[in-house]
Every structure is written in C-alpha cells, then in structure tokens.
C-alpha cells in the first residue's frame, strides 16, 4: 500500500513539473501598448461651490502655478511625444526572436520598450537591463508581459542606463538568456 502511494505521489509531482516546463509553449500572449506619453495631472476639487471666494481664488491660483510648473519641467520633451534615446534589434541567443528594443524618455520617466516583439514563452521569463550578457549585475523590470507585440516596462529612476545597456529576456528558472538587444 505504501509503495502505491509513493509511486502515485511521484507521478503527480513529475506531471506537475512537466506541465510547468512545457505549458508556456502554448501560452503566448499578445499585447500592443502605445508609446508612453508624459502625463500631467492637476488636482481637481469636486466641490468648488462650497468654497468661499478667497479659497476658490487660492485654489485656481495654485492650479495655474502647477500647470505652468509642469509645462516648464517638460520643456526638454518635444511636444510631439516621447523621446527615443536608443534602439536596437533583438538578437537570438537560446531561442528565436524578432523585433526591436528601445529606450524611451517620456516626461520624468524612462522606459524599455519592445516593438514588434515575437518570441516564445518559457518558464519564469524576466525582463532585465544588464551590464553584461549574464544575470550577475541586472535591474529586474519584472516578468515578461507579452511574447508578441509592443510592450513598455518602466525603468526605475535611479538606474544608470549608460551602465545597464543590455535589454534581456532571461529564463530565471534555468539561468538561460533567451534573447537580448544592446542599446
């Protein structure tokens, strides 16, 4: 009886691991995001009618000051939209890939953007910015969000994009570089 339980448990574990390993091959995800745009937000007071005239004037003055400040801070960004800092074609390493990687500056944020990406899925795929083509010195941008399409990943503000110039699709489970682009 104990032997049957051990064999059954072993089979269940083996099937679970096999499913985890091969299921990404039929779970491709398509996502097409727009280029990131700088957003400006000004707080809106829902109940202006309940304010006295002095408070309304103060609120309107603060709102105008905030709008002017945001317009001044965003002068470096062209009015036509985000600024593409760098772009490079994706390079296959362990698996075939096509598309481009871009560094995009929009407002006060920087993004890694994959355009026209087409790759296969895999277990525990992560998007890294790295100093080299290994996972020793990386900035983890999170799990892959799509295997096809155009996708944006926010780069943390303190990241030195001159140092971390490789955009990588990395399989953390097996320590395998799927593909990369040198920006």
N, C-alpha and C. Protein backbone atom coordinates (compact mmCIF):
# COMPACT_ATOMS: atom_id res chain seq x y z
N UNK A 1 0.82 -1.20 0.00
CA UNK A 1 0.00 0.00 0.00
C UNK A 1 0.87 1.26 0.00
N UNK A 2 1.91 1.33 0.83
CA UNK A 2 2.80 2.48 0.90
C UNK A 2 3.55 2.69 -0.41
N UNK A 3 3.89 1.60 -1.08
CA UNK A 3 4.61 1.69 -2.35
C UNK A 3 3.73 2.36 -3.41
N UNK A 4 2.42 2.03 -3.44
CA UNK A 4 1.49 2.64 -4.39
C UNK A 4 1.33 4.13 -4.13
N UNK A 5 1.30 4.53 -2.87
CA UNK A 5 1.17 5.94 -2.53
C UNK A 5 2.42 6.70 -2.97
N UNK A 6 3.60 6.14 -2.74
CA UNK A 6 4.85 6.79 -3.16
C UNK A 6 4.91 6.92 -4.68
N UNK A 7 4.54 5.88 -5.39
CA UNK A 7 4.56 5.92 -6.85
C UNK A 7 3.54 6.95 -7.36
N UNK A 8 2.35 6.97 -6.80
CA UNK A 8 1.32 7.94 -7.20
C UNK A 8 1.78 9.37 -6.93
N UNK A 9 2.37 9.60 -5.77
CA UNK A 9 2.88 10.93 -5.42
C UNK A 9 3.98 11.34 -6.39
N UNK A 10 4.88 10.43 -6.70
CA UNK A 10 5.96 10.71 -7.65
C UNK A 10 5.43 11.06 -9.03
N UNK A 11 4.41 10.34 -9.48
CA UNK A 11 3.82 10.61 -10.79
C UNK A 11 3.16 11.99 -10.80
N UNK A 12 2.43 12.32 -9.74
CA UNK A 12 1.78 13.64 -9.66
C UNK A 12 2.81 14.76 -9.68
N UNK A 13 3.88 14.59 -8.93
CA UNK A 13 4.94 15.62 -8.90
C UNK A 13 5.59 15.73 -10.28
N UNK A 14 5.90 14.61 -10.91
CA UNK A 14 6.53 14.62 -12.23
C UNK A 14 5.62 15.28 -13.26
N UNK A 15 4.34 14.99 -13.23
CA UNK A 15 3.41 15.60 -14.17
C UNK A 15 3.27 17.11 -13.93
N UNK A 16 3.28 17.51 -12.67
CA UNK A 16 3.19 18.93 -12.33
C UNK A 16 4.41 19.69 -12.86
N UNK A 17 5.58 19.15 -12.65
CA UNK A 17 6.81 19.78 -13.14
C UNK A 17 6.81 19.82 -14.66
N UNK A 18 6.42 18.72 -15.31
CA UNK A 18 6.38 18.68 -16.77
C UNK A 18 5.41 19.73 -17.31
N UNK A 19 4.25 19.87 -16.68
CA UNK A 19 3.28 20.88 -17.12
C UNK A 19 3.89 22.28 -16.99
N UNK A 20 4.54 22.55 -15.84
CA UNK A 20 5.14 23.87 -15.62
C UNK A 20 6.20 24.16 -16.67
N UNK A 21 6.95 23.15 -17.08
CA UNK A 21 8.02 23.35 -18.05
C UNK A 21 7.52 23.56 -19.47
N UNK A 22 6.49 22.84 -19.87
CA UNK A 22 6.07 22.92 -21.27
C UNK A 22 4.86 23.81 -21.52
N UNK A 23 4.10 24.16 -20.50
CA UNK A 23 2.89 24.96 -20.72
C UNK A 23 3.15 26.33 -21.33
N UNK A 24 4.28 26.98 -21.07
CA UNK A 24 4.49 28.28 -21.71
C UNK A 24 4.51 28.22 -23.24
N UNK A 25 4.78 27.07 -23.80
CA UNK A 25 4.86 26.97 -25.26
C UNK A 25 3.51 27.19 -25.93
N UNK A 26 2.41 26.97 -25.24
CA UNK A 26 1.12 27.23 -25.84
C UNK A 26 0.42 28.41 -25.17
N UNK A 27 1.13 29.14 -24.34
CA UNK A 27 0.55 30.32 -23.68
C UNK A 27 1.23 31.60 -24.16
N UNK A 28 1.29 31.82 -25.45
CA UNK A 28 1.84 33.07 -25.95
C UNK A 28 0.81 34.18 -25.73
N UNK A 29 1.30 35.33 -25.34
CA UNK A 29 0.44 36.47 -25.03
C UNK A 29 0.79 37.61 -25.97
N UNK A 30 -0.22 38.22 -26.56
CA UNK A 30 -0.04 39.37 -27.44
C UNK A 30 -0.54 40.61 -26.72
N UNK A 31 0.26 41.67 -26.76
CA UNK A 31 -0.09 42.95 -26.15
C UNK A 31 0.47 44.04 -27.03
N UNK A 32 -0.33 45.05 -27.33
CA UNK A 32 0.13 46.18 -28.14
C UNK A 32 -0.17 47.47 -27.40
N UNK A 33 0.84 47.96 -26.68
CA UNK A 33 0.72 49.22 -25.94
C UNK A 33 1.23 50.36 -26.80
N UNK A 34 0.65 51.54 -26.59
CA UNK A 34 1.13 52.74 -27.25
C UNK A 34 2.45 53.17 -26.65
N UNK A 35 3.16 54.02 -27.38
CA UNK A 35 4.35 54.65 -26.80
C UNK A 35 3.95 55.39 -25.55
N UNK A 36 4.78 55.36 -24.51
CA UNK A 36 4.41 56.08 -23.29
C UNK A 36 4.34 57.59 -23.54
N UNK A 37 3.36 58.21 -22.98
CA UNK A 37 3.18 59.66 -23.11
C UNK A 37 3.35 60.30 -21.75
N UNK A 38 3.91 61.49 -21.74
CA UNK A 38 4.02 62.23 -20.49
C UNK A 38 2.62 62.63 -20.06
N UNK A 39 2.32 62.38 -18.81
CA UNK A 39 1.01 62.76 -18.31
C UNK A 39 1.16 63.88 -17.30
N UNK A 40 0.25 64.80 -17.36
CA UNK A 40 0.23 65.86 -16.37
C UNK A 40 -1.10 65.77 -15.65
N UNK A 41 -1.04 65.93 -14.37
CA UNK A 41 -2.28 65.87 -13.61
C UNK A 41 -2.33 67.04 -12.65
N UNK A 42 -3.49 67.62 -12.58
CA UNK A 42 -3.74 68.74 -11.68
C UNK A 42 -4.89 68.32 -10.78
N UNK A 43 -4.73 68.45 -9.47
CA UNK A 43 -5.82 68.02 -8.61
C UNK A 43 -7.09 68.83 -8.88
N UNK A 44 -8.17 68.15 -8.90
CA UNK A 44 -9.46 68.78 -9.15
C UNK A 44 -10.27 68.73 -7.87
N UNK A 45 -10.81 69.85 -7.49
CA UNK A 45 -11.66 69.90 -6.30
C UNK A 45 -13.09 69.71 -6.76
N UNK A 46 -13.71 68.61 -6.31
CA UNK A 46 -15.06 68.27 -6.77
C UNK A 46 -16.10 69.28 -6.32
N UNK A 47 -15.93 69.88 -5.17
CA UNK A 47 -17.00 70.70 -4.62
C UNK A 47 -16.57 72.16 -4.53
N UNK A 48 -16.31 72.78 -5.68
CA UNK A 48 -15.90 74.18 -5.70
C UNK A 48 -17.00 75.10 -5.19
N UNK A 49 -18.24 74.69 -5.38
CA UNK A 49 -19.34 75.56 -4.99
C UNK A 49 -19.40 75.78 -3.48
N UNK A 50 -18.84 74.85 -2.69
CA UNK A 50 -18.90 75.00 -1.24
C UNK A 50 -17.77 75.89 -0.71
N UNK A 51 -16.85 76.33 -1.58
CA UNK A 51 -15.73 77.17 -1.14
C UNK A 51 -16.15 78.62 -1.13
N UNK A 52 -15.53 79.38 -0.22
CA UNK A 52 -15.75 80.82 -0.27
C UNK A 52 -14.89 81.39 -1.39
N UNK A 53 -15.09 82.64 -1.74
CA UNK A 53 -14.42 83.26 -2.88
C UNK A 53 -12.89 83.28 -2.71
N UNK A 54 -12.39 83.55 -1.53
CA UNK A 54 -10.95 83.59 -1.29
C UNK A 54 -10.33 82.22 -1.51
N UNK A 55 -10.99 81.18 -1.01
CA UNK A 55 -10.49 79.82 -1.17
C UNK A 55 -10.50 79.41 -2.64
N UNK A 56 -11.56 79.78 -3.36
CA UNK A 56 -11.65 79.47 -4.79
C UNK A 56 -10.50 80.13 -5.55
N UNK A 57 -10.25 81.42 -5.25
CA UNK A 57 -9.17 82.13 -5.94
C UNK A 57 -7.81 81.52 -5.61
N UNK A 58 -7.59 81.14 -4.36
CA UNK A 58 -6.34 80.48 -3.98
C UNK A 58 -6.18 79.15 -4.72
N UNK A 59 -7.27 78.39 -4.78
CA UNK A 59 -7.23 77.11 -5.46
C UNK A 59 -6.92 77.29 -6.95
N UNK A 60 -7.58 78.24 -7.60
CA UNK A 60 -7.34 78.49 -9.02
C UNK A 60 -5.91 78.97 -9.26
N UNK A 61 -5.39 79.81 -8.36
CA UNK A 61 -4.01 80.29 -8.50
C UNK A 61 -3.03 79.12 -8.37
N UNK A 62 -3.24 78.24 -7.38
CA UNK A 62 -2.36 77.08 -7.20
C UNK A 62 -2.43 76.15 -8.41
N UNK A 63 -3.63 75.99 -8.95
CA UNK A 63 -3.79 75.13 -10.12
C UNK A 63 -3.01 75.68 -11.30
N UNK A 64 -3.10 76.99 -11.54
CA UNK A 64 -2.36 77.61 -12.64
C UNK A 64 -0.86 77.50 -12.43
N UNK A 65 -0.40 77.70 -11.19
CA UNK A 65 1.03 77.57 -10.89
C UNK A 65 1.53 76.16 -11.17
N UNK A 66 0.72 75.16 -10.79
CA UNK A 66 1.10 73.78 -11.03
C UNK A 66 1.16 73.49 -12.53
N UNK A 67 0.19 73.97 -13.30
CA UNK A 67 0.20 73.76 -14.74
C UNK A 67 1.44 74.39 -15.37
N UNK A 68 1.74 75.64 -14.97
CA UNK A 68 2.91 76.33 -15.51
C UNK A 68 4.20 75.61 -15.15
N UNK A 69 4.30 75.12 -13.90
CA UNK A 69 5.49 74.40 -13.46
C UNK A 69 5.67 73.12 -14.27
N UNK A 70 4.59 72.35 -14.49
CA UNK A 70 4.67 71.11 -15.26
C UNK A 70 5.05 71.40 -16.70
N UNK A 71 4.51 72.47 -17.28
CA UNK A 71 4.86 72.80 -18.66
C UNK A 71 6.33 73.17 -18.74
N UNK A 72 6.85 73.89 -17.75
CA UNK A 72 8.26 74.28 -17.74
C UNK A 72 9.17 73.07 -17.56
N UNK A 73 8.80 72.15 -16.66
CA UNK A 73 9.62 70.96 -16.41
C UNK A 73 9.67 70.05 -17.62
N UNK A 74 8.65 70.04 -18.43
CA UNK A 74 8.59 69.16 -19.58
C UNK A 74 9.09 69.81 -20.86
N UNK A 75 9.75 70.98 -20.76
CA UNK A 75 10.26 71.66 -21.95
C UNK A 75 11.28 70.81 -22.70
N UNK A 76 12.01 69.92 -22.01
CA UNK A 76 13.04 69.10 -22.65
C UNK A 76 12.41 68.02 -23.52
N UNK A 77 11.17 67.68 -23.30
CA UNK A 77 10.49 66.66 -24.08
C UNK A 77 9.76 67.34 -25.23
N UNK A 78 10.02 66.91 -26.45
CA UNK A 78 9.33 67.55 -27.57
C UNK A 78 7.82 67.42 -27.45
N UNK A 79 7.11 68.44 -27.92
CA UNK A 79 5.66 68.44 -27.85
C UNK A 79 5.06 67.29 -28.66
N UNK A 80 5.82 66.78 -29.63
CA UNK A 80 5.31 65.72 -30.48
C UNK A 80 5.22 64.38 -29.76
N UNK A 81 5.83 64.25 -28.60
CA UNK A 81 5.71 62.99 -27.86
C UNK A 81 7.01 62.56 -27.21
N UNK A 82 7.11 61.28 -26.93
CA UNK A 82 8.27 60.77 -26.21
C UNK A 82 9.55 60.85 -27.05
N UNK A 83 10.67 60.83 -26.37
CA UNK A 83 11.99 60.90 -27.00
C UNK A 83 12.62 59.52 -26.99
N UNK A 84 12.98 59.01 -28.16
CA UNK A 84 13.65 57.71 -28.25
C UNK A 84 15.14 57.96 -28.07
N UNK A 85 15.69 57.42 -26.98
CA UNK A 85 17.10 57.61 -26.65
C UNK A 85 17.98 56.67 -27.43
N UNK A 86 17.53 55.42 -27.56
CA UNK A 86 18.33 54.40 -28.22
C UNK A 86 17.41 53.30 -28.73
N UNK A 87 17.86 52.60 -29.77
CA UNK A 87 17.09 51.47 -30.28
C UNK A 87 18.05 50.46 -30.88
N UNK A 88 17.66 49.19 -30.79
CA UNK A 88 18.49 48.11 -31.33
C UNK A 88 17.61 46.91 -31.65
N UNK A 89 18.03 46.14 -32.63
CA UNK A 89 17.31 44.91 -32.97
C UNK A 89 17.56 43.86 -31.90
N UNK A 90 16.54 43.04 -31.67
CA UNK A 90 16.69 41.91 -30.75
C UNK A 90 17.57 40.86 -31.42
N UNK A 91 18.40 40.20 -30.61
CA UNK A 91 19.33 39.18 -31.08
C UNK A 91 18.98 37.86 -30.40
N UNK A 92 18.84 36.81 -31.20
CA UNK A 92 18.51 35.49 -30.64
C UNK A 92 19.74 34.92 -29.93
N UNK A 93 19.50 34.29 -28.81
CA UNK A 93 20.57 33.59 -28.10
C UNK A 93 20.17 32.12 -27.97
N UNK A 94 19.28 31.78 -27.06
CA UNK A 94 18.84 30.39 -26.91
C UNK A 94 17.59 30.11 -27.74
N UNK A 95 16.82 31.15 -28.07
CA UNK A 95 15.58 30.97 -28.82
C UNK A 95 15.42 32.09 -29.85
N UNK A 96 14.73 31.80 -30.91
CA UNK A 96 14.49 32.77 -31.98
C UNK A 96 13.69 33.96 -31.45
N UNK A 97 13.96 35.11 -32.01
CA UNK A 97 13.29 36.34 -31.61
C UNK A 97 13.31 37.30 -32.79
N UNK A 98 12.34 38.19 -32.83
CA UNK A 98 12.38 39.30 -33.77
C UNK A 98 11.79 40.51 -33.07
N UNK A 99 12.11 41.68 -33.61
CA UNK A 99 11.62 42.92 -33.03
C UNK A 99 12.75 43.82 -32.61
N UNK A 100 12.40 44.91 -31.96
CA UNK A 100 13.36 45.92 -31.52
C UNK A 100 13.17 46.22 -30.04
N UNK A 101 14.25 46.67 -29.41
CA UNK A 101 14.20 47.20 -28.05
C UNK A 101 14.53 48.69 -28.14
N UNK A 102 13.81 49.50 -27.40
CA UNK A 102 14.01 50.94 -27.40
C UNK A 102 14.12 51.45 -25.98
N UNK A 103 14.95 52.46 -25.77
CA UNK A 103 14.92 53.24 -24.53
C UNK A 103 14.16 54.50 -24.86
N UNK A 104 13.11 54.77 -24.09
CA UNK A 104 12.22 55.89 -24.37
C UNK A 104 12.12 56.77 -23.13
N UNK A 105 12.30 58.06 -23.33
CA UNK A 105 12.13 59.05 -22.26
C UNK A 105 10.81 59.77 -22.50
N UNK A 106 9.96 59.75 -21.49
CA UNK A 106 8.67 60.43 -21.59
C UNK A 106 8.40 61.12 -20.26
N UNK A 107 8.37 62.42 -20.28
CA UNK A 107 8.20 63.17 -19.02
C UNK A 107 9.41 62.91 -18.14
N UNK A 108 9.15 62.52 -16.90
CA UNK A 108 10.24 62.26 -15.96
C UNK A 108 10.58 60.78 -15.87
N UNK A 109 9.99 59.95 -16.74
CA UNK A 109 10.22 58.51 -16.66
C UNK A 109 10.93 58.00 -17.90
N UNK A 110 11.68 56.91 -17.70
CA UNK A 110 12.36 56.23 -18.80
C UNK A 110 11.78 54.82 -18.89
N UNK A 111 11.62 54.34 -20.11
CA UNK A 111 11.00 53.05 -20.35
C UNK A 111 11.90 52.20 -21.24
N UNK A 112 11.83 50.90 -21.03
CA UNK A 112 12.32 49.94 -22.01
C UNK A 112 11.08 49.53 -22.78
N UNK A 113 11.15 49.61 -24.09
CA UNK A 113 10.01 49.25 -24.92
C UNK A 113 10.44 48.21 -25.93
N UNK A 114 9.67 47.15 -26.03
CA UNK A 114 9.86 46.18 -27.10
C UNK A 114 8.81 46.48 -28.16
N UNK A 115 9.25 46.62 -29.42
CA UNK A 115 8.33 46.85 -30.52
C UNK A 115 8.38 45.68 -31.48
N UNK A 116 7.20 45.26 -31.92
CA UNK A 116 7.07 44.15 -32.87
C UNK A 116 7.79 42.90 -32.37
N UNK A 117 7.75 42.71 -31.06
CA UNK A 117 8.41 41.56 -30.45
C UNK A 117 7.69 40.27 -30.84
N UNK A 118 8.47 39.26 -31.13
CA UNK A 118 7.92 37.92 -31.36
C UNK A 118 8.97 36.94 -30.85
N UNK A 119 8.59 36.22 -29.78
CA UNK A 119 9.47 35.23 -29.18
C UNK A 119 8.60 34.11 -28.62
N UNK A 120 9.24 33.07 -28.13
CA UNK A 120 8.46 32.01 -27.49
C UNK A 120 8.39 32.29 -26.00
N UNK A 121 7.42 31.71 -25.35
CA UNK A 121 7.29 31.83 -23.91
C UNK A 121 8.15 30.76 -23.25
N UNK A 122 8.33 30.86 -21.98
CA UNK A 122 9.11 29.89 -21.23
C UNK A 122 8.82 30.04 -19.75
N UNK A 123 9.33 29.14 -18.95
CA UNK A 123 9.06 29.23 -17.52
C UNK A 123 9.85 30.37 -16.89
N UNK A 124 9.17 31.20 -16.12
CA UNK A 124 9.79 32.25 -15.31
C UNK A 124 10.65 33.21 -16.13
N UNK A 125 10.11 33.72 -17.24
CA UNK A 125 10.85 34.69 -18.06
C UNK A 125 10.79 36.06 -17.40
N UNK A 126 11.93 36.72 -17.34
CA UNK A 126 12.06 38.05 -16.74
C UNK A 126 12.66 38.99 -17.77
N UNK A 127 12.36 40.28 -17.59
CA UNK A 127 12.97 41.33 -18.41
C UNK A 127 14.01 42.02 -17.55
N UNK A 128 15.25 41.98 -18.01
CA UNK A 128 16.37 42.57 -17.27
C UNK A 128 17.05 43.63 -18.12
N UNK A 129 17.57 44.64 -17.45
CA UNK A 129 18.61 45.50 -18.01
C UNK A 129 19.89 45.02 -17.35
N UNK A 130 20.94 44.85 -18.12
CA UNK A 130 22.16 44.29 -17.53
C UNK A 130 23.39 45.02 -18.03
N UNK A 131 24.45 44.90 -17.22
CA UNK A 131 25.74 45.47 -17.60
C UNK A 131 26.44 44.56 -18.61
N UNK A 132 26.23 43.25 -18.51
CA UNK A 132 26.82 42.28 -19.43
C UNK A 132 25.73 41.33 -19.90
N UNK A 133 26.14 40.25 -20.56
CA UNK A 133 25.16 39.30 -21.06
C UNK A 133 24.99 38.11 -20.12
N UNK A 134 25.00 38.39 -18.83
CA UNK A 134 24.71 37.38 -17.82
C UNK A 134 23.81 38.02 -16.78
N UNK A 135 23.41 37.25 -15.80
CA UNK A 135 22.49 37.78 -14.79
C UNK A 135 23.20 38.16 -13.50
N UNK A 136 24.47 38.54 -13.59
CA UNK A 136 25.21 38.91 -12.39
C UNK A 136 24.88 40.31 -11.90
N UNK A 137 24.77 41.25 -12.80
CA UNK A 137 24.54 42.65 -12.46
C UNK A 137 23.37 43.16 -13.30
N UNK A 138 22.15 43.07 -12.74
CA UNK A 138 20.96 43.38 -13.52
C UNK A 138 20.02 44.31 -12.76
N UNK A 139 19.15 44.94 -13.52
CA UNK A 139 17.99 45.64 -13.00
C UNK A 139 16.79 44.84 -13.49
N UNK A 140 16.05 44.27 -12.56
CA UNK A 140 14.90 43.41 -12.90
C UNK A 140 13.69 44.29 -13.14
N UNK A 141 13.16 44.28 -14.36
CA UNK A 141 11.99 45.08 -14.71
C UNK A 141 10.69 44.29 -14.57
N UNK A 142 10.81 43.03 -14.13
CA UNK A 142 9.62 42.23 -13.87
C UNK A 142 9.46 41.09 -14.84
N UNK A 143 8.37 40.35 -14.67
CA UNK A 143 8.11 39.23 -15.57
C UNK A 143 7.73 39.72 -16.96
N UNK A 144 7.99 38.88 -17.95
CA UNK A 144 7.59 39.23 -19.31
C UNK A 144 6.07 39.36 -19.34
N UNK A 145 5.59 40.42 -19.97
CA UNK A 145 4.15 40.67 -20.00
C UNK A 145 3.51 40.21 -21.29
N UNK A 146 4.32 40.04 -22.34
CA UNK A 146 3.79 39.57 -23.62
C UNK A 146 4.94 39.00 -24.44
N UNK A 147 4.63 37.98 -25.22
CA UNK A 147 5.63 37.37 -26.10
C UNK A 147 5.50 37.87 -27.53
N UNK A 148 4.44 38.61 -27.80
CA UNK A 148 4.23 39.20 -29.12
C UNK A 148 3.63 40.59 -28.96
N UNK A 149 4.11 41.53 -29.79
CA UNK A 149 3.52 42.86 -29.78
C UNK A 149 4.50 43.93 -29.36
N UNK A 150 3.96 45.00 -28.79
CA UNK A 150 4.73 46.15 -28.34
C UNK A 150 4.40 46.42 -26.88
N UNK A 151 5.43 46.39 -26.03
CA UNK A 151 5.22 46.43 -24.58
C UNK A 151 6.21 47.41 -23.94
N UNK A 152 5.73 48.16 -22.93
CA UNK A 152 6.55 49.12 -22.19
C UNK A 152 6.85 48.60 -20.79
N UNK A 153 8.09 48.80 -20.34
CA UNK A 153 8.50 48.47 -18.97
C UNK A 153 9.13 49.72 -18.37
N UNK A 154 8.64 50.16 -17.22
CA UNK A 154 9.19 51.34 -16.55
C UNK A 154 10.55 51.00 -15.97
N UNK A 155 11.52 51.85 -16.22
CA UNK A 155 12.86 51.69 -15.66
C UNK A 155 12.94 52.53 -14.39
N UNK A 156 13.37 51.95 -13.27
CA UNK A 156 13.48 52.73 -12.03
C UNK A 156 14.33 53.98 -12.24
N UNK A 157 13.93 55.06 -11.59
CA UNK A 157 14.55 56.37 -11.81
C UNK A 157 16.05 56.40 -11.55
N UNK A 158 16.54 55.65 -10.59
CA UNK A 158 17.96 55.70 -10.23
C UNK A 158 18.85 54.82 -11.12
N UNK A 159 18.29 54.21 -12.14
CA UNK A 159 19.05 53.28 -13.00
C UNK A 159 19.97 54.05 -13.93
N UNK A 160 21.24 53.64 -13.97
CA UNK A 160 22.23 54.22 -14.87
C UNK A 160 22.11 53.52 -16.22
N UNK A 161 21.41 54.15 -17.17
CA UNK A 161 21.19 53.50 -18.46
C UNK A 161 22.46 53.43 -19.31
N UNK A 162 23.50 54.15 -18.92
CA UNK A 162 24.78 54.02 -19.61
C UNK A 162 25.51 52.75 -19.18
N UNK A 163 25.27 52.32 -17.95
CA UNK A 163 25.87 51.09 -17.44
C UNK A 163 25.05 49.88 -17.85
N UNK A 164 23.74 49.94 -17.64
CA UNK A 164 22.84 48.82 -17.93
C UNK A 164 22.31 48.98 -19.34
N UNK A 165 23.13 48.61 -20.33
CA UNK A 165 22.81 48.89 -21.72
C UNK A 165 22.29 47.68 -22.49
N UNK A 166 22.14 46.53 -21.82
CA UNK A 166 21.62 45.33 -22.48
C UNK A 166 20.20 45.06 -21.99
N UNK A 167 19.27 44.96 -22.93
CA UNK A 167 17.90 44.57 -22.60
C UNK A 167 17.81 43.07 -22.85
N UNK A 168 17.45 42.31 -21.81
CA UNK A 168 17.48 40.85 -21.94
C UNK A 168 16.13 40.23 -21.60
N UNK A 169 15.81 39.16 -22.31
CA UNK A 169 14.73 38.26 -21.92
C UNK A 169 15.44 37.04 -21.33
N UNK A 170 15.26 36.84 -20.03
CA UNK A 170 16.05 35.86 -19.28
C UNK A 170 15.12 34.84 -18.62
N UNK A 171 15.47 33.56 -18.76
CA UNK A 171 14.74 32.50 -18.08
C UNK A 171 15.40 32.28 -16.73
N UNK A 172 14.76 32.80 -15.68
CA UNK A 172 15.33 32.72 -14.34
C UNK A 172 15.35 31.28 -13.82
N UNK A 173 14.36 30.48 -14.20
CA UNK A 173 14.28 29.10 -13.71
C UNK A 173 15.49 28.27 -14.13
N UNK A 174 15.99 28.49 -15.34
CA UNK A 174 17.11 27.69 -15.85
C UNK A 174 18.39 28.51 -16.05
N UNK A 175 18.35 29.81 -15.77
CA UNK A 175 19.53 30.63 -15.95
C UNK A 175 19.94 30.73 -17.41
N UNK A 176 18.96 30.93 -18.31
CA UNK A 176 19.24 30.93 -19.75
C UNK A 176 18.84 32.28 -20.34
N UNK A 177 19.74 32.83 -21.14
CA UNK A 177 19.45 34.06 -21.88
C UNK A 177 18.70 33.67 -23.16
N UNK A 178 17.42 34.04 -23.23
CA UNK A 178 16.62 33.76 -24.42
C UNK A 178 17.06 34.66 -25.58
N UNK A 179 17.12 35.98 -25.31
CA UNK A 179 17.46 36.95 -26.35
C UNK A 179 17.83 38.27 -25.69
N UNK A 180 18.41 39.17 -26.49
CA UNK A 180 18.85 40.45 -25.93
C UNK A 180 18.97 41.50 -27.04
N UNK A 181 19.13 42.73 -26.62
CA UNK A 181 19.45 43.84 -27.53
C UNK A 181 20.45 44.72 -26.81
N UNK A 182 21.48 45.16 -27.52
CA UNK A 182 22.47 46.07 -26.93
C UNK A 182 22.10 47.49 -27.32
N UNK A 183 21.67 48.26 -26.31
CA UNK A 183 21.19 49.62 -26.55
C UNK A 183 22.32 50.63 -26.44
